[in-house]
Amino acid sequence: MALLEPRVVELKDGRKAVVRHLEPADAPRLPDFMERIAVETTHTMMYVGRRFELKELEARLQRTHRCPASLDAGVFHDEVLVGALLLTPENQNHPWIRHCASFGMMLLKDYWGQGLGRRLLALMEEHAARRGLRRIEAAVRVENSRGMALYLSAGYRVEGLRRSAAYIDGRFEDEYVIAKLL
């Protein structure tokens, strides 16, 4: 059973995309998508040369189906995966933190500035609220000004700074810790 019903969204440039829950059957689409993300930007945890095993990706998607608070949303344009948002609860069994979750979002560069990031955040927040999550957080590289502008305009706040959190292309980069309370 899919946790997220498919939704057709119109992009700012008139193209249409489908946002839906990633199914275990989508696992073969993920390696090429993640490799392309790694080539296009250093703002995610994907890096050139990192390839995931198909079984590992299928297992992650199956775990998501077993945990109703998780969300693995995919954005598809002409049947090609062009974006993803992954929401992972901290620990659904621990009474002190079961209201917390972390997320990561990735969009291919051709789809930046099309309104997809804002739509994915809204969809994630709607899903999280229905599942009893009250705190959503992420780590965002300081140099990711486009992403930070989106998150701040969507009500996320900077809660901290992780200095030298990443070492990319021979230099250290800081990350913001951002969060939104629902």
Protein backbone atom coordinates (compact mmCIF):
# COMPACT_ATOMS: atom_id res chain seq x y z
CA MET A 1 0.00 0.00 0.00
CA ALA A 2 1.44 3.39 -1.00
CA LEU A 3 1.69 5.94 1.81
CA LEU A 4 1.45 8.86 -0.58
CA GLU A 5 -1.12 9.03 -3.34
CA PRO A 6 0.32 10.23 -6.67
CA ARG A 7 -0.15 13.96 -7.35
CA VAL A 8 0.32 15.74 -10.66
CA VAL A 9 2.00 19.12 -10.21
CA GLU A 10 2.54 21.80 -12.80
CA LEU A 11 5.98 23.37 -12.82
CA LYS A 12 6.51 27.09 -13.30
CA ASP A 13 7.63 26.49 -16.88
CA GLY A 14 4.45 24.54 -17.71
CA ARG A 15 5.88 21.03 -17.55
CA LYS A 16 3.99 18.51 -15.46
CA ALA A 17 5.51 16.13 -12.95
CA VAL A 18 4.13 13.40 -10.72
CA VAL A 19 4.97 13.30 -7.02
CA ARG A 20 4.43 9.92 -5.42
CA HIS A 21 5.76 7.55 -2.82
CA LEU A 22 8.88 5.71 -3.95
CA GLU A 23 8.13 2.01 -4.15
CA PRO A 24 10.67 -0.83 -3.80
CA ALA A 25 10.16 -1.37 -7.56
CA ASP A 26 11.64 2.14 -8.10
CA ALA A 27 15.03 1.08 -6.65
CA PRO A 28 16.61 0.55 -10.11
CA ARG A 29 15.93 4.24 -10.92
CA LEU A 30 17.80 5.53 -7.88
CA PRO A 31 21.49 4.85 -8.72
CA ASP A 32 21.46 6.91 -11.94
CA PHE A 33 19.48 9.70 -10.24
CA MET A 34 21.89 9.84 -7.30
CA GLU A 35 24.90 9.77 -9.58
CA ARG A 36 23.54 12.69 -11.58
CA ILE A 37 22.81 14.62 -8.36
CA ALA A 38 26.43 14.02 -7.27
CA VAL A 39 27.73 15.47 -10.55
CA GLU A 40 25.44 18.52 -10.45
CA THR A 41 25.88 19.72 -6.87
CA THR A 42 27.81 19.24 -3.64
CA HIS A 43 24.84 20.33 -1.52
CA THR A 44 23.75 16.74 -0.78
CA MET A 45 25.48 13.73 0.72
CA MET A 46 25.81 12.18 -2.73
CA TYR A 47 29.31 12.19 -4.17
CA VAL A 48 30.79 11.14 -7.49
CA GLY A 49 31.74 7.48 -7.47
CA ARG A 50 29.33 6.46 -4.71
CA ARG A 51 27.08 3.70 -6.03
CA PHE A 52 24.50 1.99 -3.89
CA GLU A 53 23.72 -1.69 -4.28
CA LEU A 54 20.24 -2.34 -5.62
CA LYS A 55 19.44 -4.62 -2.66
CA GLU A 56 20.39 -1.84 -0.23
CA LEU A 57 18.08 0.62 -1.98
CA GLU A 58 15.21 -1.88 -2.11
CA ALA A 59 15.66 -2.59 1.61
CA ARG A 60 15.47 1.13 2.43
CA LEU A 61 12.26 1.54 0.46
CA GLN A 62 10.77 -1.53 2.13
CA ARG A 63 11.66 -0.13 5.59
CA THR A 64 9.85 3.08 4.69
CA HIS A 65 6.73 1.10 3.90
CA ARG A 66 6.91 -0.53 7.33
CA CYS A 67 7.32 2.79 9.20
CA PRO A 68 4.27 5.00 8.63
CA ALA A 69 6.10 8.12 9.89
CA SER A 70 8.81 7.81 7.20
CA LEU A 71 8.37 9.30 3.78
CA ASP A 72 10.31 8.63 0.60
CA ALA A 73 8.72 10.88 -2.01
CA GLY A 74 9.85 10.85 -5.62
CA VAL A 75 9.27 13.41 -8.37
CA PHE A 76 8.90 11.96 -11.85
CA HIS A 77 8.88 13.79 -15.17
CA ASP A 78 8.17 11.65 -18.22
CA GLU A 79 8.73 8.56 -16.03
CA VAL A 80 12.25 9.76 -15.09
CA LEU A 81 13.11 10.34 -11.42
CA VAL A 82 14.07 14.03 -11.15
CA GLY A 83 13.71 14.69 -7.43
CA ALA A 84 13.35 13.08 -4.03
CA LEU A 85 12.56 14.03 -0.47
CA LEU A 86 13.39 11.58 2.31
CA LEU A 87 11.95 12.02 5.80
CA THR A 88 13.30 9.73 8.52
CA PRO A 89 12.00 9.69 12.11
CA GLU A 90 14.65 9.81 14.85
CA ASN A 91 13.35 6.85 16.87
CA GLN A 92 9.67 5.97 16.88
CA ASN A 93 10.11 3.74 19.95
CA HIS A 94 11.72 6.30 22.25
CA PRO A 95 9.11 8.41 24.09
CA TRP A 96 11.32 11.50 24.31
CA ILE A 97 12.19 11.89 20.63
CA ARG A 98 9.53 10.07 18.64
CA HIS A 99 8.14 13.45 17.57
CA CYS A 100 11.39 14.34 15.71
CA ALA A 101 12.46 13.57 12.14
CA SER A 102 15.25 14.55 9.74
CA PHE A 103 14.91 15.18 6.04
CA GLY A 104 16.96 15.56 2.91
CA MET A 105 15.85 16.83 -0.48
CA MET A 106 17.45 16.45 -3.91
CA LEU A 107 16.37 17.89 -7.26
CA LEU A 108 18.13 17.66 -10.57
CA LYS A 109 19.44 21.07 -11.64
CA ASP A 110 17.02 21.28 -14.59
CA TYR A 111 14.19 21.38 -12.01
CA TRP A 112 15.58 24.04 -9.67
CA GLY A 113 13.43 27.17 -9.43
CA GLN A 114 10.29 25.35 -10.61
CA GLY A 115 8.44 25.34 -7.28
CA LEU A 116 9.08 21.66 -6.58
CA GLY A 117 11.10 22.24 -3.41
CA ARG A 118 8.30 24.27 -1.83
CA ARG A 119 5.72 21.66 -2.84
CA LEU A 120 7.81 18.83 -1.44
CA LEU A 121 8.26 20.67 1.87
CA ALA A 122 4.51 21.28 2.15
CA LEU A 123 3.76 17.65 1.34
CA MET A 124 6.33 16.47 3.90
CA GLU A 125 4.95 18.75 6.60
CA GLU A 126 1.40 17.57 5.91
CA HIS A 127 2.55 13.94 6.12
CA ALA A 128 4.56 14.60 9.30
CA ALA A 129 1.68 16.34 11.08
CA ARG A 130 -0.68 13.44 10.25
CA ARG A 131 1.87 11.02 11.72
CA GLY A 132 2.37 12.93 14.97
CA LEU A 133 5.78 14.40 14.12
CA ARG A 134 6.26 17.89 15.54
CA ARG A 135 9.91 18.71 14.78
CA ILE A 136 11.52 18.45 11.35
CA GLU A 137 15.20 19.21 10.89
CA ALA A 138 18.00 19.08 8.35
CA ALA A 139 21.64 19.99 7.84
CA VAL A 140 22.16 22.50 5.02
CA ARG A 141 25.53 23.67 3.70
CA VAL A 142 26.05 27.37 4.34
CA GLU A 143 26.99 27.87 0.68
CA ASN A 144 23.60 26.49 -0.43
CA SER A 145 22.04 29.95 -0.60
CA ARG A 146 19.15 28.85 -2.84
CA GLY A 147 18.19 26.06 -0.46
CA MET A 148 18.51 28.30 2.59
CA ALA A 149 16.32 30.97 0.99
CA LEU A 150 13.65 28.32 0.38
CA TYR A 151 13.83 26.89 3.90
CA LEU A 152 13.75 30.28 5.60
CA SER A 153 10.80 31.44 3.49
CA ALA A 154 8.98 28.20 4.43
CA GLY A 155 9.35 28.92 8.14
CA TYR A 156 12.48 26.96 9.03
CA ARG A 157 14.90 28.54 11.47
CA VAL A 158 18.64 28.26 11.80
CA GLU A 159 19.31 26.63 15.16
CA GLY A 160 23.02 26.17 14.93
CA LEU A 161 26.19 26.02 12.89
CA ARG A 162 28.31 22.92 12.38
CA ARG A 163 31.75 24.32 11.61
CA SER A 164 33.89 22.39 9.12
CA ALA A 165 31.10 19.81 8.83
CA ALA A 166 32.11 18.75 5.31
CA TYR A 167 35.41 18.54 3.45
CA ILE A 168 34.70 19.06 -0.26
CA ASP A 169 37.17 19.66 -3.07
CA GLY A 170 40.03 20.39 -0.71
CA ARG A 171 38.27 22.78 1.64
CA PHE A 172 36.08 22.66 4.73
CA GLU A 173 32.47 23.82 4.56
CA ASP A 174 30.13 24.75 7.37
CA GLU A 175 26.55 23.54 7.70
CA TYR A 176 23.52 25.10 9.29
CA VAL A 177 21.23 23.01 11.44
CA ILE A 178 17.72 24.10 10.51
CA ALA A 179 14.40 23.05 12.01
CA LYS A 180 10.70 23.77 11.93
CA LEU A 181 8.21 23.02 14.65
CA LEU A 182 4.83 21.93 13.36
